[in-house]
N, C-alpha and C. Protein backbone atom coordinates (compact mmCIF):
# COMPACT_ATOMS: atom_id res chain seq x y z
N MET A 1 1.25 -1.03 -0.22
CA MET A 1 -0.02 0.21 -0.06
C MET A 1 0.87 1.67 0.09
N ASN A 2 2.35 1.44 0.40
CA ASN A 2 2.72 2.69 0.52
C ASN A 2 3.39 2.95 -0.22
N LYS A 3 3.79 2.02 -1.14
CA LYS A 3 4.19 1.77 -3.11
C LYS A 3 3.35 2.90 -3.39
N ALA A 4 1.25 2.82 -3.84
CA ALA A 4 0.28 3.01 -4.29
C ALA A 4 0.12 4.95 -4.01
N LYS A 5 0.85 4.82 -2.96
CA LYS A 5 0.14 6.13 -2.59
C LYS A 5 1.50 7.31 -3.31
N PRO A 6 2.77 7.47 -3.15
CA PRO A 6 4.08 7.79 -4.30
C PRO A 6 3.07 8.53 -5.82
N PHE A 7 2.47 6.89 -6.26
CA PHE A 7 2.51 6.81 -7.72
C PHE A 7 0.83 7.78 -8.24
N LEU A 8 -0.57 7.69 -7.25
CA LEU A 8 -1.94 8.18 -6.77
C LEU A 8 -1.57 9.11 -6.73
N PHE A 9 -0.23 10.53 -5.33
CA PHE A 9 -0.12 11.86 -5.59
C PHE A 9 0.70 12.00 -6.84
N LEU A 10 0.68 10.96 -7.47
CA LEU A 10 1.71 11.78 -9.29
C LEU A 10 0.34 12.31 -9.96
N ILE A 11 -0.17 10.91 -10.10
CA ILE A 11 -1.21 10.96 -10.73
C ILE A 11 -2.00 11.94 -10.46
N GLY A 12 -2.35 12.27 -9.14
CA GLY A 12 -3.32 13.30 -8.80
C GLY A 12 -2.66 14.63 -9.50
N SER A 13 -1.84 14.92 -9.23
CA SER A 13 -0.94 16.02 -9.32
C SER A 13 -0.61 16.66 -11.04
N PHE A 14 -0.41 15.53 -11.35
CA PHE A 14 -0.62 15.50 -12.73
C PHE A 14 -2.04 15.86 -13.14
N LEU A 15 -3.05 15.31 -13.47
CA LEU A 15 -4.17 15.78 -13.49
C LEU A 15 -4.81 17.17 -12.88
N LEU A 16 -4.38 17.68 -11.56
CA LEU A 16 -4.07 18.97 -10.68
C LEU A 16 -4.40 19.66 -12.32
N LEU A 17 -2.45 19.24 -13.35
CA LEU A 17 -1.86 21.11 -13.90
C LEU A 17 -2.16 20.77 -15.40
N LEU A 18 -3.39 19.87 -16.63
CA LEU A 18 -3.85 18.73 -16.98
C LEU A 18 -4.78 20.24 -16.56
N CYS A 19 -5.61 20.25 -15.74
CA CYS A 19 -6.62 20.75 -15.44
C CYS A 19 -7.05 22.04 -15.73
N SER A 20 -5.47 23.17 -15.22
CA SER A 20 -5.21 24.44 -14.92
C SER A 20 -4.90 24.65 -16.42
N PHE A 21 -4.51 23.99 -16.90
CA PHE A 21 -4.33 24.94 -18.96
C PHE A 21 -5.38 24.25 -19.97
N ARG A 22 -5.88 24.39 -19.15
CA ARG A 22 -7.41 23.72 -19.72
C ARG A 22 -8.06 24.70 -20.22
N ASN A 23 -8.18 25.96 -19.63
CA ASN A 23 -8.85 27.19 -20.46
C ASN A 23 -7.98 28.33 -20.79
N ILE A 24 -6.48 27.98 -20.79
CA ILE A 24 -6.39 28.76 -21.11
C ILE A 24 -5.94 29.10 -23.30
N PRO A 25 -6.08 27.71 -23.49
CA PRO A 25 -6.75 28.25 -24.64
C PRO A 25 -7.72 30.12 -25.03
N SER A 26 -8.88 29.21 -24.68
CA SER A 26 -10.40 29.87 -24.76
C SER A 26 -10.07 31.10 -24.57
N ASN A 27 -9.39 31.68 -23.28
CA ASN A 27 -9.01 33.32 -22.43
C ASN A 27 -8.11 33.15 -24.14
N TYR A 28 -6.82 32.93 -24.27
CA TYR A 28 -6.84 34.01 -25.57
C TYR A 28 -7.02 33.99 -25.95
N ALA A 29 -7.80 33.21 -27.04
CA ALA A 29 -8.50 33.80 -28.16
C ALA A 29 -9.73 34.70 -27.18
N ILE A 30 -9.96 34.65 -26.74
CA ILE A 30 -11.39 35.32 -26.30
C ILE A 30 -10.46 37.16 -25.75
N ASN A 31 -9.33 37.37 -25.48
CA ASN A 31 -8.10 38.15 -25.54
C ASN A 31 -7.98 38.51 -26.68
N GLN A 32 -8.00 38.42 -27.46
CA GLN A 32 -7.24 38.65 -28.72
C GLN A 32 -7.75 38.83 -30.17
N SER A 33 -9.53 37.97 -29.18
CA SER A 33 -10.98 38.87 -30.76
C SER A 33 -12.01 40.12 -29.86
N GLN A 34 -11.48 40.49 -28.33
CA GLN A 34 -11.00 41.62 -28.33
C GLN A 34 -10.50 42.81 -27.79
N ASN A 35 -11.20 44.47 -28.50
CA ASN A 35 -10.87 45.33 -28.13
C ASN A 35 -10.55 46.19 -26.98
N TRP A 36 -9.53 46.89 -26.78
CA TRP A 36 -9.38 47.96 -25.74
C TRP A 36 -10.39 48.58 -26.50
N LEU A 37 -11.53 49.26 -25.07
CA LEU A 37 -12.03 49.91 -25.58
C LEU A 37 -12.31 51.58 -24.91
N SER A 38 -11.59 52.77 -24.77
CA SER A 38 -11.72 53.33 -23.30
C SER A 38 -12.85 54.35 -23.10
N PRO A 39 -13.37 54.67 -23.13
CA PRO A 39 -15.32 55.75 -22.22
C PRO A 39 -13.67 56.76 -23.18
N SER A 40 -15.63 56.32 -23.68
CA SER A 40 -15.59 57.90 -24.92
C SER A 40 -15.26 59.15 -24.59
N TRP A 41 -15.91 59.79 -23.24
CA TRP A 41 -14.78 60.79 -23.27
C TRP A 41 -13.85 61.38 -22.85
N ALA A 42 -12.76 59.87 -23.29
CA ALA A 42 -11.33 60.53 -23.23
C ALA A 42 -10.66 60.59 -24.76
N ASP A 43 -12.13 60.74 -25.54
CA ASP A 43 -11.92 60.77 -27.26
C ASP A 43 -11.59 62.54 -27.14
N THR A 44 -12.48 63.45 -25.99
CA THR A 44 -11.94 64.72 -25.76
C THR A 44 -10.36 65.19 -25.34
N LEU A 45 -9.75 64.45 -24.82
CA LEU A 45 -8.25 64.54 -24.53
C LEU A 45 -7.71 64.61 -25.99
N VAL A 46 -6.49 66.31 -25.49
CA VAL A 46 -5.59 66.48 -26.30
C VAL A 46 -4.31 67.18 -25.77
N GLY A 47 -3.82 66.03 -26.89
CA GLY A 47 -1.85 66.86 -26.06
C GLY A 47 -1.79 67.40 -26.81
N PRO A 48 -0.87 67.89 -26.21
CA PRO A 48 0.00 69.01 -26.79
C PRO A 48 1.25 68.92 -28.04
N ASN A 49 2.45 69.58 -28.75
CA ASN A 49 2.88 69.21 -29.60
C ASN A 49 3.77 67.92 -29.78
N LEU A 50 1.88 67.31 -30.35
CA LEU A 50 2.35 65.46 -31.35
C LEU A 50 2.82 65.80 -31.88
N THR A 51 3.48 66.92 -33.11
CA THR A 51 3.95 66.75 -34.23
C THR A 51 4.83 67.57 -34.35
N ASN A 52 5.09 68.22 -33.05
CA ASN A 52 6.88 68.53 -33.43
C ASN A 52 7.56 67.38 -32.76
N PRO A 53 8.65 68.04 -33.53
CA PRO A 53 10.52 66.58 -34.03
C PRO A 53 10.51 65.87 -32.50
N SER A 54 11.12 67.49 -31.41
CA SER A 54 11.68 67.09 -30.45
C SER A 54 10.70 66.41 -29.38
N PHE A 55 10.06 66.86 -29.22
CA PHE A 55 8.59 65.93 -28.37
C PHE A 55 8.16 64.48 -29.08
N ILE A 56 8.47 64.01 -29.92
CA ILE A 56 8.53 62.43 -30.84
C ILE A 56 9.83 61.90 -29.50
N GLN A 57 10.67 62.86 -29.82
CA GLN A 57 12.08 62.07 -30.12
C GLN A 57 11.72 61.89 -28.45
N ALA A 58 11.65 62.98 -27.30
CA ALA A 58 11.27 62.48 -26.50
C ALA A 58 10.09 61.39 -26.02
N GLY A 59 9.52 61.92 -26.62
CA GLY A 59 8.55 60.35 -26.21
C GLY A 59 8.75 58.94 -26.95
N LYS A 60 9.32 58.58 -27.96
CA LYS A 60 10.91 57.31 -28.02
C LYS A 60 11.81 57.20 -27.51
N SER A 61 11.86 58.47 -26.74
CA SER A 61 12.42 57.67 -24.97
C SER A 61 12.38 57.45 -23.88
N VAL A 62 10.98 58.07 -23.50
CA VAL A 62 10.00 57.31 -22.92
C VAL A 62 9.61 55.85 -23.71
N TYR A 63 9.38 56.20 -24.21
CA TYR A 63 9.20 54.57 -24.92
C TYR A 63 9.69 52.99 -24.63
N LEU A 64 11.29 53.82 -25.63
CA LEU A 64 12.44 52.62 -25.22
C LEU A 64 12.36 52.48 -23.37
N GLY A 65 12.59 53.44 -22.69
CA GLY A 65 12.56 53.46 -21.05
C GLY A 65 11.31 52.17 -20.69
N HIS A 66 9.97 52.59 -21.41
CA HIS A 66 8.93 51.35 -20.05
C HIS A 66 8.11 50.88 -21.82
N CYS A 67 8.03 50.87 -22.81
CA CYS A 67 6.81 50.32 -23.26
C CYS A 67 8.11 49.02 -24.74
N ILE A 68 8.70 48.90 -25.07
CA ILE A 68 9.69 48.41 -25.83
C ILE A 68 10.03 46.82 -25.82
N VAL A 69 9.95 46.68 -24.09
CA VAL A 69 10.49 45.46 -23.77
C VAL A 69 8.88 44.34 -23.78
N CYS A 70 7.29 44.80 -24.12
CA CYS A 70 6.50 44.19 -24.29
C CYS A 70 6.68 44.65 -25.72
N HIS A 71 6.02 46.40 -26.21
CA HIS A 71 5.01 45.83 -26.99
C HIS A 71 6.18 46.39 -29.02
N GLY A 72 7.06 46.31 -29.01
CA GLY A 72 8.41 45.91 -29.55
C GLY A 72 9.07 46.73 -30.22
N ALA A 73 10.10 47.06 -30.82
CA ALA A 73 11.08 47.91 -32.28
C ALA A 73 10.47 49.12 -32.42
N ASN A 74 8.98 48.28 -33.31
CA ASN A 74 8.39 48.49 -33.61
C ASN A 74 6.76 48.81 -33.29
N GLY A 75 7.01 49.14 -32.35
CA GLY A 75 5.01 48.63 -32.35
C GLY A 75 4.19 47.90 -32.00
N LYS A 76 4.41 46.92 -32.09
CA LYS A 76 3.89 45.71 -33.10
C LYS A 76 3.13 44.94 -31.87
N GLY A 77 4.05 45.43 -30.56
CA GLY A 77 3.49 43.77 -29.34
C GLY A 77 4.03 42.33 -29.89
N ASP A 78 5.54 42.61 -30.44
CA ASP A 78 6.57 41.72 -30.70
C ASP A 78 7.18 41.79 -29.46
N GLY A 79 8.02 42.28 -28.34
CA GLY A 79 9.00 43.09 -27.72
C GLY A 79 8.47 41.32 -26.77
N GLU A 80 10.47 41.14 -26.65
CA GLU A 80 10.87 39.88 -25.88
C GLU A 80 9.65 39.40 -24.07
N SER A 81 9.14 40.73 -23.63
CA SER A 81 9.08 40.15 -22.70
C SER A 81 7.03 39.76 -22.55
N GLY A 82 6.30 40.38 -24.14
CA GLY A 82 5.67 40.29 -24.29
C GLY A 82 4.85 38.84 -24.49
N PHE A 83 5.42 38.14 -25.07
CA PHE A 83 5.09 36.62 -25.53
C PHE A 83 4.61 35.66 -24.19
N GLY A 84 3.28 35.35 -23.99
CA GLY A 84 2.78 34.24 -23.32
C GLY A 84 2.08 35.27 -22.40
N LEU A 85 1.77 36.17 -22.49
CA LEU A 85 1.06 37.31 -21.18
C LEU A 85 -0.77 36.78 -21.68
N GLU A 86 -1.33 36.46 -20.70
CA GLU A 86 -2.91 37.18 -20.87
C GLU A 86 -2.99 37.56 -21.42
N VAL A 87 -2.80 38.79 -21.64
CA VAL A 87 -3.65 39.76 -22.32
C VAL A 87 -2.70 40.33 -23.73
N PRO A 88 -2.06 39.51 -24.70
CA PRO A 88 -1.18 40.07 -25.83
C PRO A 88 -1.48 41.72 -25.28
N PRO A 89 0.61 42.56 -25.56
CA PRO A 89 0.19 43.14 -25.88
C PRO A 89 -0.26 44.13 -27.18
N GLY A 90 -0.83 45.03 -27.38
CA GLY A 90 -0.98 46.22 -28.51
C GLY A 90 -0.16 46.30 -29.56
N ASP A 91 -0.91 45.86 -30.51
CA ASP A 91 -0.38 45.96 -32.11
C ASP A 91 -0.71 47.81 -32.37
N PHE A 92 0.11 48.63 -32.25
CA PHE A 92 -0.54 49.86 -32.81
C PHE A 92 0.06 50.12 -33.96
N THR A 93 0.53 48.85 -34.91
CA THR A 93 0.34 49.30 -36.17
C THR A 93 -1.37 48.50 -37.34
N ASP A 94 -2.42 48.24 -35.88
CA ASP A 94 -4.14 47.32 -36.27
C ASP A 94 -4.03 48.38 -36.15
N ALA A 95 -4.90 47.73 -36.94
CA ALA A 95 -6.39 49.01 -38.26
C ALA A 95 -7.03 49.34 -36.65
N PHE A 96 -7.60 48.77 -36.08
CA PHE A 96 -8.08 49.02 -34.86
C PHE A 96 -7.21 50.92 -33.68
N THR A 97 -5.69 50.26 -33.19
CA THR A 97 -5.64 51.18 -32.73
C THR A 97 -5.44 52.46 -33.07
N LEU A 98 -4.61 52.26 -35.02
CA LEU A 98 -4.63 53.23 -35.87
C LEU A 98 -5.93 54.31 -35.50
N ASN A 99 -6.60 53.29 -35.84
CA ASN A 99 -8.60 55.18 -35.88
C ASN A 99 -9.47 55.18 -33.92
N GLU A 100 -8.30 54.79 -33.26
CA GLU A 100 -7.19 55.65 -31.95
C GLU A 100 -8.31 56.82 -32.33
N SER A 101 -8.04 57.60 -30.73
CA SER A 101 -7.88 58.63 -30.78
C SER A 101 -6.93 58.95 -29.96
N ASP A 102 -6.38 60.43 -30.43
CA ASP A 102 -4.65 60.47 -29.55
C ASP A 102 -5.26 59.87 -27.77
N GLY A 103 -6.19 61.68 -27.67
CA GLY A 103 -7.39 61.01 -25.88
C GLY A 103 -6.74 59.02 -25.27
N ALA A 104 -7.51 58.50 -26.51
CA ALA A 104 -8.15 57.20 -25.64
C ALA A 104 -6.61 55.85 -26.22
N LEU A 105 -5.52 56.85 -26.33
CA LEU A 105 -4.10 56.16 -26.01
C LEU A 105 -3.32 56.39 -24.87
N PHE A 106 -4.06 58.37 -24.59
CA PHE A 106 -3.06 58.56 -23.60
C PHE A 106 -4.14 58.19 -22.05
N TRP A 107 -5.27 58.00 -22.75
CA TRP A 107 -6.19 57.14 -21.32
C TRP A 107 -5.86 55.26 -20.71
N LYS A 108 -5.20 54.58 -22.05
CA LYS A 108 -5.06 53.95 -22.56
C LYS A 108 -3.75 53.10 -21.64
N ILE A 109 -2.93 54.60 -21.92
CA ILE A 109 -1.07 54.69 -21.11
C ILE A 109 -1.69 54.42 -19.80
N THR A 110 -2.31 56.37 -18.67
CA THR A 110 -2.56 56.03 -17.83
C THR A 110 -3.27 55.10 -17.51
N THR A 111 -4.99 54.31 -17.96
CA THR A 111 -5.07 53.56 -16.73
C THR A 111 -4.01 51.95 -16.95
N GLY A 112 -4.28 52.01 -18.13
CA GLY A 112 -2.87 50.43 -17.78
C GLY A 112 -4.23 49.73 -17.72
N ARG A 113 -4.10 47.54 -18.47
CA ARG A 113 -4.72 46.68 -18.42
C ARG A 113 -3.59 45.78 -17.95
N GLY A 114 -4.99 44.63 -16.98
CA GLY A 114 -4.23 43.62 -17.01
C GLY A 114 -2.48 43.08 -16.63
N PRO A 115 -1.74 42.80 -17.49
CA PRO A 115 -0.37 42.94 -17.48
C PRO A 115 0.38 44.22 -17.33
N MET A 116 -0.15 45.54 -18.33
CA MET A 116 -0.31 46.96 -18.16
C MET A 116 0.14 47.40 -17.80
N PRO A 117 1.09 47.81 -17.24
CA PRO A 117 0.63 48.52 -15.24
C PRO A 117 0.31 50.20 -15.98
N PRO A 118 -1.00 50.94 -15.07
CA PRO A 118 -0.66 52.42 -14.80
C PRO A 118 0.09 52.72 -14.54
N PHE A 119 -0.30 53.49 -15.78
CA PHE A 119 1.86 54.94 -16.45
C PHE A 119 0.82 56.20 -15.13
N LEU A 120 0.14 56.43 -14.69
CA LEU A 120 -0.18 57.80 -14.24
C LEU A 120 0.64 57.67 -12.99
N ASN A 121 0.97 57.15 -11.94
CA ASN A 121 2.06 57.60 -10.60
C ASN A 121 3.49 57.02 -11.28
N LYS A 122 3.65 56.22 -12.66
CA LYS A 122 4.91 56.27 -13.81
C LYS A 122 6.05 57.70 -14.46
N LEU A 123 4.75 58.36 -15.41
CA LEU A 123 5.50 58.85 -15.74
C LEU A 123 4.31 60.58 -15.97
N SER A 124 4.77 61.83 -16.11
CA SER A 124 3.42 62.63 -16.41
C SER A 124 3.01 62.25 -16.52
N ASP A 125 2.09 63.64 -17.18
CA ASP A 125 0.93 63.90 -18.22
C ASP A 125 1.70 63.51 -19.34
N ASN A 126 2.48 64.80 -19.26
CA ASN A 126 3.24 65.55 -20.03
C ASN A 126 4.56 63.66 -20.84
N GLN A 127 4.67 63.27 -20.62
CA GLN A 127 6.02 62.06 -21.00
C GLN A 127 4.58 60.54 -21.77
N ARG A 128 3.74 61.15 -20.85
CA ARG A 128 2.91 60.44 -21.01
C ARG A 128 2.03 60.64 -22.56
N TRP A 129 1.83 62.14 -22.80
CA TRP A 129 1.68 62.14 -24.55
C TRP A 129 2.72 62.57 -24.65
N GLN A 130 4.29 62.26 -24.49
CA GLN A 130 5.48 61.84 -25.97
C GLN A 130 4.99 60.53 -26.15
N VAL A 131 4.55 59.50 -25.50
CA VAL A 131 3.81 58.39 -25.98
C VAL A 131 3.20 58.43 -26.80
N VAL A 132 2.08 59.31 -26.91
CA VAL A 132 1.06 59.11 -27.95
C VAL A 132 1.95 59.82 -29.28
N ALA A 133 2.71 60.74 -29.15
CA ALA A 133 3.27 61.04 -30.03
C ALA A 133 4.50 60.71 -31.14
N TYR A 134 5.01 59.29 -29.68
CA TYR A 134 5.98 59.01 -30.41
C TYR A 134 4.92 57.73 -31.71
N LEU A 135 3.87 56.32 -30.53
CA LEU A 135 3.06 55.96 -31.28
C LEU A 135 2.78 56.42 -32.71
N ARG A 136 2.22 57.67 -32.45
CA ARG A 136 2.25 58.03 -33.79
C ARG A 136 2.73 58.23 -35.07
N GLU A 137 4.29 58.08 -34.86
CA GLU A 137 5.37 58.45 -35.33
C GLU A 137 5.94 56.81 -35.55
N LEU A 138 5.10 55.48 -35.47
CA LEU A 138 5.83 54.22 -35.24
C LEU A 138 4.13 54.19 -36.37
N GLN A 139 3.07 54.05 -36.33
CA GLN A 139 2.24 54.22 -37.11
C GLN A 139 2.82 55.34 -38.57
N ARG A 140 2.61 56.14 -38.24
CA ARG A 140 3.45 57.38 -39.68
C ARG A 140 4.12 55.69 -40.59
N ASN A 141 5.86 55.74 -39.56
CA ASN A 141 6.37 55.29 -40.82
C ASN A 141 5.66 53.21 -40.75
N HIS A 142 4.72 53.36 -40.27
CA HIS A 142 4.53 52.35 -40.83
C HIS A 142 3.87 51.78 -42.09
N LYS A 143 3.49 53.05 -41.69
CA LYS A 143 2.21 53.41 -43.24
C LYS A 143 3.10 53.36 -44.79
N ALA A 144 4.49 54.38 -44.35
CA ALA A 144 4.97 54.65 -45.03
C ALA A 144 6.26 53.23 -45.37
N LYS A 145 6.01 52.09 -44.74
CA LYS A 145 6.55 50.76 -45.82
C LYS A 145 5.59 50.24 -45.95
N ILE A 146 4.44 50.39 -45.74
CA ILE A 146 2.84 49.64 -46.54
C ILE A 146 3.70 50.29 -47.51
N ARG A 147 3.09 51.64 -48.20
CA ARG A 147 3.06 52.50 -49.35
C ARG A 147 4.15 52.06 -50.52
N LYS A 148 5.75 51.98 -49.83
CA LYS A 148 6.25 51.52 -50.08
C LYS A 148 6.56 50.38 -50.60
N THR A 149 6.13 49.41 -50.29
CA THR A 149 6.19 47.74 -50.50
C THR A 149 5.32 47.55 -51.76
N LYS A 150 4.37 48.48 -51.55
CA LYS A 150 2.82 48.30 -52.21
C LYS A 150 3.78 49.40 -54.16
N ILE A 151 4.15 50.44 -53.71
CA ILE A 151 4.83 50.44 -54.72
C ILE A 151 5.74 50.22 -56.23
N ARG A 152 6.67 49.08 -55.32
CA ARG A 152 7.50 48.08 -55.44
C ARG A 152 7.59 47.19 -56.22
N LYS A 153 5.96 46.97 -56.12
CA LYS A 153 5.21 45.56 -56.88
C LYS A 153 4.74 45.66 -57.74
N LYS A 154 4.74 47.20 -57.92
CA LYS A 154 3.69 47.58 -59.67
C LYS A 154 4.01 47.95 -60.63
């Protein structure tokens, strides 16, 4: 009987582990299919200097210090620390994010969600707007690359 106890413990542990992974694919699919919506009032927020080159450059510095690890160098959500997160990092070049207002992006940076921390107390208002300015620059660069690729194919 003593030999059966370790075997039963191993089988029980394995079944428990197996059951804990059961919901990962469905949760991952749900998170992938749902867009993160900001409150409508966030669309009324307007940032300063979003097209100013020095403001954008300051945003790049903040992005490199806080965002690149999850969102990646080009903002596509492919940073090395973003893999395997329950809520995958956002892709700033996807159609949904391209169509979001500056205020919505600012609100998301401020409040965070899931594994993304809120930056309300980590970055100043100005720094969060600088990140928005840099995200818009990443988006412009991404659109330019798409246009160049289409022109070359003709």
